[in-house]
Amino acid sequence: MCVRALQRRVGVLSGDVRTVQALPVDQLLERCARRPSDDAAWEEFVRRYQSIIRASVVKTFHRKVREEADVRTQFSQDLIDDLMQSVYMRLVEEGSRAIQSFEGVHDNSIFQYLSMIAINVVRDYFREAKALKRPKVTFSLDELLENSGDGILSKAVTSNLDGTPATNARPLITRDELDRALERAVSDRHRDRDILIFKLRYYDGLTLSEIRSTLRLELSPVSVGSILNRIAVKLKSLLEQ
């Protein structure tokens, strides 16, 4: 169901409204994952979480506009709605995999999870827009890791065993190839979160503290750094193979 239709219909159905409003997060998500669509559950989902999805879309869009010097996109209400619709589509695609993958420590974890998905949707929007304008660009994974702002991890993941700097003798890769390698390198239950952490660090240049704040992570900067280091090591191993 499209987000505009959901927005218009919130509160219209009456038979199951009070029952659905009392559902804890895990039971509400279970009903949202059902097929055929459970309209009452989705209306409650929108009522609870539409504001966090919209806020994350708007905040991430404005940040990306500031970062991208060649972007002059007007952020209209229609575009907001389209990006929010993409978030809902991301939740239900592949048999509602994103909904079923949620494992929260507490009820409020769903806000962080939905914010993460919204950030990914906006990032993909900008990446696809740029891909239409520019030819594919190749780069060295080592250079990417070395030039990610003030990255504290770059030396560990781009040095030889004897401590000397790694050379640029390795083949160049495209952004699409790196994205596909990321999907293979990260496979635990925090897969979507960890992939986004990597992209925010090495694609967008956010610091560890900024990543913590953006994703509302209950992790220390050291833990975020450990996640990045683990992914980088796996990526290098995969790409070398």
C-alpha atoms as a PDB file:
ATOM      1  CA  MET A   1       0.000   0.000   0.000  1.00  0.00           C
ATOM      2  CA  CYS A   2       1.427   3.416  -0.921  1.00  0.00           C
ATOM      3  CA  VAL A   3       2.450   5.767   1.885  1.00  0.00           C
ATOM      4  CA  ARG A   4       0.068   8.505   0.700  1.00  0.00           C
ATOM      5  CA  ALA A   5      -2.857   6.091   0.934  1.00  0.00           C
ATOM      6  CA  LEU A   6      -1.719   4.961   4.376  1.00  0.00           C
ATOM      7  CA  GLN A   7      -1.448   8.553   5.542  1.00  0.00           C
ATOM      8  CA  ARG A   8      -4.999   9.281   4.385  1.00  0.00           C
ATOM      9  CA  ARG A   9      -6.448   6.182   5.959  1.00  0.00           C
ATOM     10  CA  VAL A  10      -4.833   6.180   9.436  1.00  0.00           C
ATOM     11  CA  GLY A  11      -7.626   5.825  11.941  1.00  0.00           C
ATOM     12  CA  VAL A  12     -10.294   4.885   9.383  1.00  0.00           C
ATOM     13  CA  LEU A  13     -10.547   1.203  10.179  1.00  0.00           C
ATOM     14  CA  SER A  14     -12.244   0.630  13.514  1.00  0.00           C
ATOM     15  CA  GLY A  15     -12.717  -3.103  14.101  1.00  0.00           C
ATOM     16  CA  ASP A  16      -9.124  -3.915  15.063  1.00  0.00           C
ATOM     17  CA  VAL A  17      -7.791  -0.484  15.995  1.00  0.00           C
ATOM     18  CA  ARG A  18      -7.659  -0.728  19.768  1.00  0.00           C
ATOM     19  CA  THR A  19      -6.299  -4.265  19.656  1.00  0.00           C
ATOM     20  CA  VAL A  20      -3.530  -3.312  17.237  1.00  0.00           C
ATOM     21  CA  GLN A  21      -2.596  -0.178  19.172  1.00  0.00           C
ATOM     22  CA  ALA A  22      -1.863  -2.351  22.212  1.00  0.00           C
ATOM     23  CA  LEU A  23       0.515  -4.677  20.363  1.00  0.00           C
ATOM     24  CA  PRO A  24       4.215  -4.683  21.340  1.00  0.00           C
ATOM     25  CA  VAL A  25       6.720  -4.002  18.577  1.00  0.00           C
ATOM     26  CA  ASP A  26       7.564  -7.617  17.739  1.00  0.00           C
ATOM     27  CA  GLN A  27       3.906  -8.638  17.364  1.00  0.00           C
ATOM     28  CA  LEU A  28       3.084  -5.566  15.294  1.00  0.00           C
ATOM     29  CA  LEU A  29       5.975  -6.319  12.931  1.00  0.00           C
ATOM     30  CA  GLU A  30       4.894  -9.940  12.689  1.00  0.00           C
ATOM     31  CA  ARG A  31       1.459  -8.808  11.520  1.00  0.00           C
ATOM     32  CA  CYS A  32       2.977  -6.308   9.080  1.00  0.00           C
ATOM     33  CA  ALA A  33       4.995  -9.132   7.510  1.00  0.00           C
ATOM     34  CA  ARG A  34       1.886 -11.192   6.759  1.00  0.00           C
ATOM     35  CA  ARG A  35       0.520 -11.790   3.282  1.00  0.00           C
ATOM     36  CA  PRO A  36      -2.021 -10.708   2.249  1.00  0.00           C
ATOM     37  CA  SER A  37      -1.411  -7.272   3.728  1.00  0.00           C
ATOM     38  CA  ASP A  38      -2.813  -6.608   7.216  1.00  0.00           C
ATOM     39  CA  ASP A  39      -4.188  -3.078   6.745  1.00  0.00           C
ATOM     40  CA  ALA A  40      -4.906  -2.487  10.443  1.00  0.00           C
ATOM     41  CA  ALA A  41      -1.337  -3.416  11.399  1.00  0.00           C
ATOM     42  CA  TRP A  42       0.126  -1.164   8.710  1.00  0.00           C
ATOM     43  CA  GLU A  43      -2.002   1.772   9.764  1.00  0.00           C
ATOM     44  CA  GLU A  44      -0.736   1.359  13.316  1.00  0.00           C
ATOM     45  CA  PHE A  45       2.835   1.053  12.013  1.00  0.00           C
ATOM     46  CA  VAL A  46       2.463   4.349  10.151  1.00  0.00           C
ATOM     47  CA  ARG A  47       0.888   6.038  13.176  1.00  0.00           C
ATOM     48  CA  ARG A  48       3.829   5.029  15.386  1.00  0.00           C
ATOM     49  CA  TYR A  49       6.784   5.380  13.057  1.00  0.00           C
ATOM     50  CA  GLN A  50       5.957   7.731  10.191  1.00  0.00           C
ATOM     51  CA  SER A  51       7.509  10.703  12.011  1.00  0.00           C
ATOM     52  CA  ILE A  52      10.904   9.022  12.586  1.00  0.00           C
ATOM     53  CA  ILE A  53      11.020   7.833   8.964  1.00  0.00           C
ATOM     54  CA  ARG A  54      10.231  11.313   7.664  1.00  0.00           C
ATOM     55  CA  ALA A  55      12.710  13.010  10.009  1.00  0.00           C
ATOM     56  CA  SER A  56      15.502  10.625   8.984  1.00  0.00           C
ATOM     57  CA  VAL A  57      14.743  11.097   5.271  1.00  0.00           C
ATOM     58  CA  VAL A  58      14.754  14.902   5.549  1.00  0.00           C
ATOM     59  CA  LYS A  59      17.881  15.085   7.742  1.00  0.00           C
ATOM     60  CA  THR A  60      19.886  12.708   5.547  1.00  0.00           C
ATOM     61  CA  PHE A  61      18.781  14.426   2.331  1.00  0.00           C
ATOM     62  CA  HIS A  62      19.898  17.843   3.549  1.00  0.00           C
ATOM     63  CA  ARG A  63      23.240  16.425   4.705  1.00  0.00           C
ATOM     64  CA  LYS A  64      23.841  14.780   1.332  1.00  0.00           C
ATOM     65  CA  VAL A  65      22.984  17.999  -0.521  1.00  0.00           C
ATOM     66  CA  ARG A  66      25.603  19.843   1.527  1.00  0.00           C
ATOM     67  CA  GLU A  67      28.189  17.145   0.770  1.00  0.00           C
ATOM     68  CA  GLU A  68      27.516  16.876  -2.971  1.00  0.00           C
ATOM     69  CA  ALA A  69      28.762  20.028  -4.673  1.00  0.00           C
ATOM     70  CA  ASP A  70      27.135  19.140  -8.015  1.00  0.00           C
ATOM     71  CA  VAL A  71      23.660  18.411  -6.603  1.00  0.00           C
ATOM     72  CA  ARG A  72      20.948  21.048  -6.948  1.00  0.00           C
ATOM     73  CA  THR A  73      17.882  18.923  -6.162  1.00  0.00           C
ATOM     74  CA  GLN A  74      14.826  20.679  -4.772  1.00  0.00           C
ATOM     75  CA  PHE A  75      13.461  18.775  -1.785  1.00  0.00           C
ATOM     76  CA  SER A  76       9.751  19.010  -2.544  1.00  0.00           C
ATOM     77  CA  GLN A  77       6.919  17.373  -0.639  1.00  0.00           C
ATOM     78  CA  ASP A  78       6.510  14.942  -3.520  1.00  0.00           C
ATOM     79  CA  LEU A  79      10.143  13.885  -3.234  1.00  0.00           C
ATOM     80  CA  ILE A  80       9.794  13.449   0.533  1.00  0.00           C
ATOM     81  CA  ASP A  81       6.769  11.215  -0.075  1.00  0.00           C
ATOM     82  CA  ASP A  82       8.593   9.263  -2.776  1.00  0.00           C
ATOM     83  CA  LEU A  83      11.581   8.584  -0.533  1.00  0.00           C
ATOM     84  CA  MET A  84       9.319   7.603   2.352  1.00  0.00           C
ATOM     85  CA  GLN A  85       7.502   5.268  -0.021  1.00  0.00           C
ATOM     86  CA  SER A  86      10.873   3.743  -0.896  1.00  0.00           C
ATOM     87  CA  VAL A  87      11.487   3.086   2.816  1.00  0.00           C
ATOM     88  CA  TYR A  88       8.184   1.206   3.049  1.00  0.00           C
ATOM     89  CA  MET A  89       9.049  -0.723  -0.113  1.00  0.00           C
ATOM     90  CA  ARG A  90      12.426  -1.632   1.367  1.00  0.00           C
ATOM     91  CA  LEU A  91      10.614  -3.059   4.404  1.00  0.00           C
ATOM     92  CA  VAL A  92       8.351  -5.379   2.408  1.00  0.00           C
ATOM     93  CA  GLU A  93      10.588  -6.436  -0.498  1.00  0.00           C
ATOM     94  CA  GLU A  94      12.034  -9.955  -0.627  1.00  0.00           C
ATOM     95  CA  GLY A  95       9.183 -11.339   1.455  1.00  0.00           C
ATOM     96  CA  SER A  96       9.459  -8.591   4.111  1.00  0.00           C
ATOM     97  CA  ARG A  97      13.055  -9.583   4.861  1.00  0.00           C
ATOM     98  CA  ALA A  98      13.858  -6.238   6.494  1.00  0.00           C
ATOM     99  CA  ILE A  99      10.888  -6.522   8.868  1.00  0.00           C
ATOM    100  CA  GLN A 100      11.689 -10.094   9.796  1.00  0.00           C
ATOM    101  CA  SER A 101      15.374  -9.287  10.325  1.00  0.00           C
ATOM    102  CA  PHE A 102      14.677  -6.785  13.114  1.00  0.00           C
ATOM    103  CA  GLU A 103      16.031  -7.894  16.482  1.00  0.00           C
ATOM    104  CA  GLY A 104      15.741  -5.097  19.017  1.00  0.00           C
ATOM    105  CA  VAL A 105      17.212  -5.038  22.494  1.00  0.00           C
ATOM    106  CA  HIS A 106      14.214  -2.980  23.631  1.00  0.00           C
ATOM    107  CA  ASP A 107      11.101  -1.406  22.076  1.00  0.00           C
ATOM    108  CA  ASN A 108      12.908   1.824  21.173  1.00  0.00           C
ATOM    109  CA  SER A 109      15.410  -0.096  19.033  1.00  0.00           C
ATOM    110  CA  ILE A 110      12.876   0.021  16.198  1.00  0.00           C
ATOM    111  CA  PHE A 111      13.400   3.785  15.874  1.00  0.00           C
ATOM    112  CA  GLN A 112      17.136   3.289  15.280  1.00  0.00           C
ATOM    113  CA  TYR A 113      16.431   0.458  12.831  1.00  0.00           C
ATOM    114  CA  LEU A 114      13.943   2.451  10.749  1.00  0.00           C
ATOM    115  CA  SER A 115      16.238   5.477  10.788  1.00  0.00           C
ATOM    116  CA  MET A 116      19.034   3.283   9.436  1.00  0.00           C
ATOM    117  CA  ILE A 117      16.839   2.026   6.588  1.00  0.00           C
ATOM    118  CA  ALA A 118      15.753   5.583   5.738  1.00  0.00           C
ATOM    119  CA  ILE A 119      19.393   6.726   5.634  1.00  0.00           C
ATOM    120  CA  ASN A 120      20.210   3.877   3.255  1.00  0.00           C
ATOM    121  CA  VAL A 121      17.301   4.768   0.982  1.00  0.00           C
ATOM    122  CA  VAL A 122      18.394   8.409   0.674  1.00  0.00           C
ATOM    123  CA  ARG A 123      22.019   7.413   0.122  1.00  0.00           C
ATOM    124  CA  ASP A 124      20.926   5.040  -2.665  1.00  0.00           C
ATOM    125  CA  TYR A 125      18.876   7.834  -4.234  1.00  0.00           C
ATOM    126  CA  PHE A 126      21.958  10.065  -4.473  1.00  0.00           C
ATOM    127  CA  ARG A 127      24.193   7.233  -5.659  1.00  0.00           C
ATOM    128  CA  GLU A 128      21.792   6.308  -8.457  1.00  0.00           C
ATOM    129  CA  ALA A 129      21.394   9.952  -9.465  1.00  0.00           C
ATOM    130  CA  LYS A 130      25.164  10.331  -9.732  1.00  0.00           C
ATOM    131  CA  ALA A 131      25.505   7.063 -11.646  1.00  0.00           C
ATOM    132  CA  LEU A 132      23.232   8.426 -14.374  1.00  0.00           C
ATOM    133  CA  LYS A 133      25.460  11.485 -14.833  1.00  0.00           C
ATOM    134  CA  ARG A 134      28.941  10.017 -14.606  1.00  0.00           C
ATOM    135  CA  PRO A 135      30.883   7.110 -16.111  1.00  0.00           C
ATOM    136  CA  LYS A 136      32.004   4.359 -13.755  1.00  0.00           C
ATOM    137  CA  VAL A 137      34.988   5.378 -11.673  1.00  0.00           C
ATOM    138  CA  THR A 138      37.555   2.871 -10.470  1.00  0.00           C
ATOM    139  CA  PHE A 139      39.647   3.264  -7.359  1.00  0.00           C
ATOM    140  CA  SER A 140      41.988   1.360  -5.090  1.00  0.00           C
ATOM    141  CA  LEU A 141      40.486  -0.074  -1.897  1.00  0.00           C
ATOM    142  CA  ASP A 142      43.724   0.849  -0.129  1.00  0.00           C
ATOM    143  CA  GLU A 143      43.373   4.469  -1.218  1.00  0.00           C
ATOM    144  CA  LEU A 144      39.765   4.547  -0.094  1.00  0.00           C
ATOM    145  CA  LEU A 145      40.711   3.310   3.374  1.00  0.00           C
ATOM    146  CA  GLU A 146      43.704   5.624   3.605  1.00  0.00           C
ATOM    147  CA  ASN A 147      41.814   8.757   2.558  1.00  0.00           C
ATOM    148  CA  SER A 148      38.703   8.524   4.755  1.00  0.00           C
ATOM    149  CA  GLY A 149      39.186  11.736   6.697  1.00  0.00           C
ATOM    150  CA  ASP A 150      41.043  11.208   9.959  1.00  0.00           C
ATOM    151  CA  GLY A 151      40.467   7.432   9.949  1.00  0.00           C
ATOM    152  CA  ILE A 152      42.233   5.752  12.840  1.00  0.00           C
ATOM    153  CA  LEU A 153      41.956   2.379  11.112  1.00  0.00           C
ATOM    154  CA  SER A 154      43.681   3.126   7.837  1.00  0.00           C
ATOM    155  CA  LYS A 155      47.193   2.100   8.916  1.00  0.00           C
ATOM    156  CA  ALA A 156      46.053  -1.255  10.275  1.00  0.00           C
ATOM    157  CA  VAL A 157      44.159  -2.245   7.150  1.00  0.00           C
ATOM    158  CA  THR A 158      46.510  -0.846   4.501  1.00  0.00           C
ATOM    159  CA  SER A 159      49.949  -1.889   5.756  1.00  0.00           C
ATOM    160  CA  ASN A 160      52.043  -4.916   4.972  1.00  0.00           C
ATOM    161  CA  LEU A 161      52.945  -7.411   7.676  1.00  0.00           C
ATOM    162  CA  ASP A 162      56.310  -5.732   8.252  1.00  0.00           C
ATOM    163  CA  GLY A 163      54.628  -2.345   8.836  1.00  0.00           C
ATOM    164  CA  THR A 164      55.614  -0.787   5.519  1.00  0.00           C
ATOM    165  CA  PRO A 165      52.891   1.004   3.516  1.00  0.00           C
ATOM    166  CA  ALA A 166      50.949  -1.170   1.096  1.00  0.00           C
ATOM    167  CA  THR A 167      51.526  -0.463  -2.602  1.00  0.00           C
ATOM    168  CA  ASN A 168      48.903   0.324  -5.218  1.00  0.00           C
ATOM    169  CA  ALA A 169      49.720  -2.843  -7.178  1.00  0.00           C
ATOM    170  CA  ARG A 170      46.281  -4.321  -6.463  1.00  0.00           C
ATOM    171  CA  PRO A 171      43.617  -4.118  -9.200  1.00  0.00           C
ATOM    172  CA  LEU A 172      41.263  -1.170  -9.251  1.00  0.00           C
ATOM    173  CA  ILE A 173      37.602  -1.758  -8.427  1.00  0.00           C
ATOM    174  CA  THR A 174      34.359   0.084  -9.102  1.00  0.00           C
ATOM    175  CA  ARG A 175      31.904   1.301  -6.490  1.00  0.00           C
ATOM    176  CA  ASP A 176      29.386  -1.340  -7.609  1.00  0.00           C
ATOM    177  CA  GLU A 177      31.987  -4.078  -7.172  1.00  0.00           C
ATOM    178  CA  LEU A 178      32.776  -2.823  -3.688  1.00  0.00           C
ATOM    179  CA  ASP A 179      29.060  -2.729  -2.804  1.00  0.00           C
ATOM    180  CA  ARG A 180      28.686  -6.344  -3.924  1.00  0.00           C
ATOM    181  CA  ALA A 181      31.767  -7.357  -1.937  1.00  0.00           C
ATOM    182  CA  LEU A 182      30.320  -5.639   1.146  1.00  0.00           C
ATOM    183  CA  GLU A 183      27.188  -7.774   0.852  1.00  0.00           C
ATOM    184  CA  ARG A 184      29.383 -10.885   0.928  1.00  0.00           C
ATOM    185  CA  ALA A 185      31.756  -9.675   3.628  1.00  0.00           C
ATOM    186  CA  VAL A 186      29.089  -8.894   6.244  1.00  0.00           C
ATOM    187  CA  SER A 187      26.744 -11.709   7.210  1.00  0.00           C
ATOM    188  CA  ASP A 188      25.897 -11.521  10.920  1.00  0.00           C
ATOM    189  CA  ARG A 189      22.582 -10.404  12.422  1.00  0.00           C
ATOM    190  CA  HIS A 190      23.699  -6.739  12.360  1.00  0.00           C
ATOM    191  CA  ARG A 191      24.465  -6.943   8.641  1.00  0.00           C
ATOM    192  CA  ASP A 192      22.493  -3.891   7.489  1.00  0.00           C
ATOM    193  CA  ARG A 193      23.772  -1.770  10.360  1.00  0.00           C
ATOM    194  CA  ASP A 194      27.422  -2.737   9.798  1.00  0.00           C
ATOM    195  CA  ILE A 195      27.273  -2.142   6.036  1.00  0.00           C
ATOM    196  CA  LEU A 196      25.818   1.305   6.661  1.00  0.00           C
ATOM    197  CA  ILE A 197      28.522   2.052   9.249  1.00  0.00           C
ATOM    198  CA  PHE A 198      31.164   1.217   6.637  1.00  0.00           C
ATOM    199  CA  LYS A 199      29.512   3.379   3.975  1.00  0.00           C
ATOM    200  CA  LEU A 200      29.070   6.355   6.299  1.00  0.00           C
ATOM    201  CA  ARG A 201      32.735   6.136   7.263  1.00  0.00           C
ATOM    202  CA  TYR A 202      34.455   5.426   3.960  1.00  0.00           C
ATOM    203  CA  TYR A 203      31.978   6.797   1.411  1.00  0.00           C
ATOM    204  CA  ASP A 204      30.688   9.831   3.312  1.00  0.00           C
ATOM    205  CA  GLY A 205      33.698  10.518   5.539  1.00  0.00           C
ATOM    206  CA  LEU A 206      31.842  10.663   8.875  1.00  0.00           C
ATOM    207  CA  THR A 207      33.897  10.316  12.042  1.00  0.00           C
ATOM    208  CA  LEU A 208      33.259   7.472  14.481  1.00  0.00           C
ATOM    209  CA  SER A 209      31.434   9.849  16.825  1.00  0.00           C
ATOM    210  CA  GLU A 210      29.304  11.211  13.970  1.00  0.00           C
ATOM    211  CA  ILE A 211      28.359   7.673  12.964  1.00  0.00           C
ATOM    212  CA  ARG A 212      27.336   6.926  16.549  1.00  0.00           C
ATOM    213  CA  SER A 213      25.165  10.030  16.632  1.00  0.00           C
ATOM    214  CA  THR A 214      23.642   9.568  13.163  1.00  0.00           C
ATOM    215  CA  LEU A 215      22.601   5.956  13.783  1.00  0.00           C
ATOM    216  CA  ARG A 216      21.826   6.442  17.499  1.00  0.00           C
ATOM    217  CA  LEU A 217      24.166   3.567  18.295  1.00  0.00           C
ATOM    218  CA  GLU A 218      24.545   2.266  21.830  1.00  0.00           C
ATOM    219  CA  LEU A 219      28.193   1.540  21.070  1.00  0.00           C
ATOM    220  CA  SER A 220      31.422   3.296  21.983  1.00  0.00           C
ATOM    221  CA  PRO A 221      33.576   4.840  19.219  1.00  0.00           C
ATOM    222  CA  VAL A 222      36.089   2.042  19.868  1.00  0.00           C
ATOM    223  CA  SER A 223      33.398  -0.569  19.154  1.00  0.00           C
ATOM    224  CA  VAL A 224      32.410   1.234  15.955  1.00  0.00           C
ATOM    225  CA  GLY A 225      36.075   1.234  14.971  1.00  0.00           C
ATOM    226  CA  SER A 226      36.313  -2.495  15.628  1.00  0.00           C
ATOM    227  CA  ILE A 227      33.353  -3.121  13.319  1.00  0.00           C
ATOM    228  CA  LEU A 228      35.019  -1.077  10.580  1.00  0.00           C
ATOM    229  CA  ASN A 229      38.328  -2.851  11.008  1.00  0.00           C
ATOM    230  CA  ARG A 230      36.687  -6.288  10.838  1.00  0.00           C
ATOM    231  CA  ILE A 231      34.802  -5.398   7.647  1.00  0.00           C
ATOM    232  CA  ALA A 232      37.870  -3.857   6.004  1.00  0.00           C
ATOM    233  CA  VAL A 233      39.977  -6.965   6.664  1.00  0.00           C
ATOM    234  CA  LYS A 234      37.250  -9.226   5.197  1.00  0.00           C
ATOM    235  CA  LEU A 235      36.868  -6.943   2.178  1.00  0.00           C
ATOM    236  CA  LYS A 236      40.571  -6.983   1.412  1.00  0.00           C
ATOM    237  CA  SER A 237      40.644 -10.756   1.674  1.00  0.00           C
ATOM    238  CA  LEU A 238      37.625 -11.167  -0.616  1.00  0.00           C
ATOM    239  CA  LEU A 239      38.892  -8.731  -3.236  1.00  0.00           C
ATOM    240  CA  GLU A 240      42.367 -10.239  -3.258  1.00  0.00           C
ATOM    241  CA  GLN A 241      40.835 -13.628  -4.007  1.00  0.00           C
END
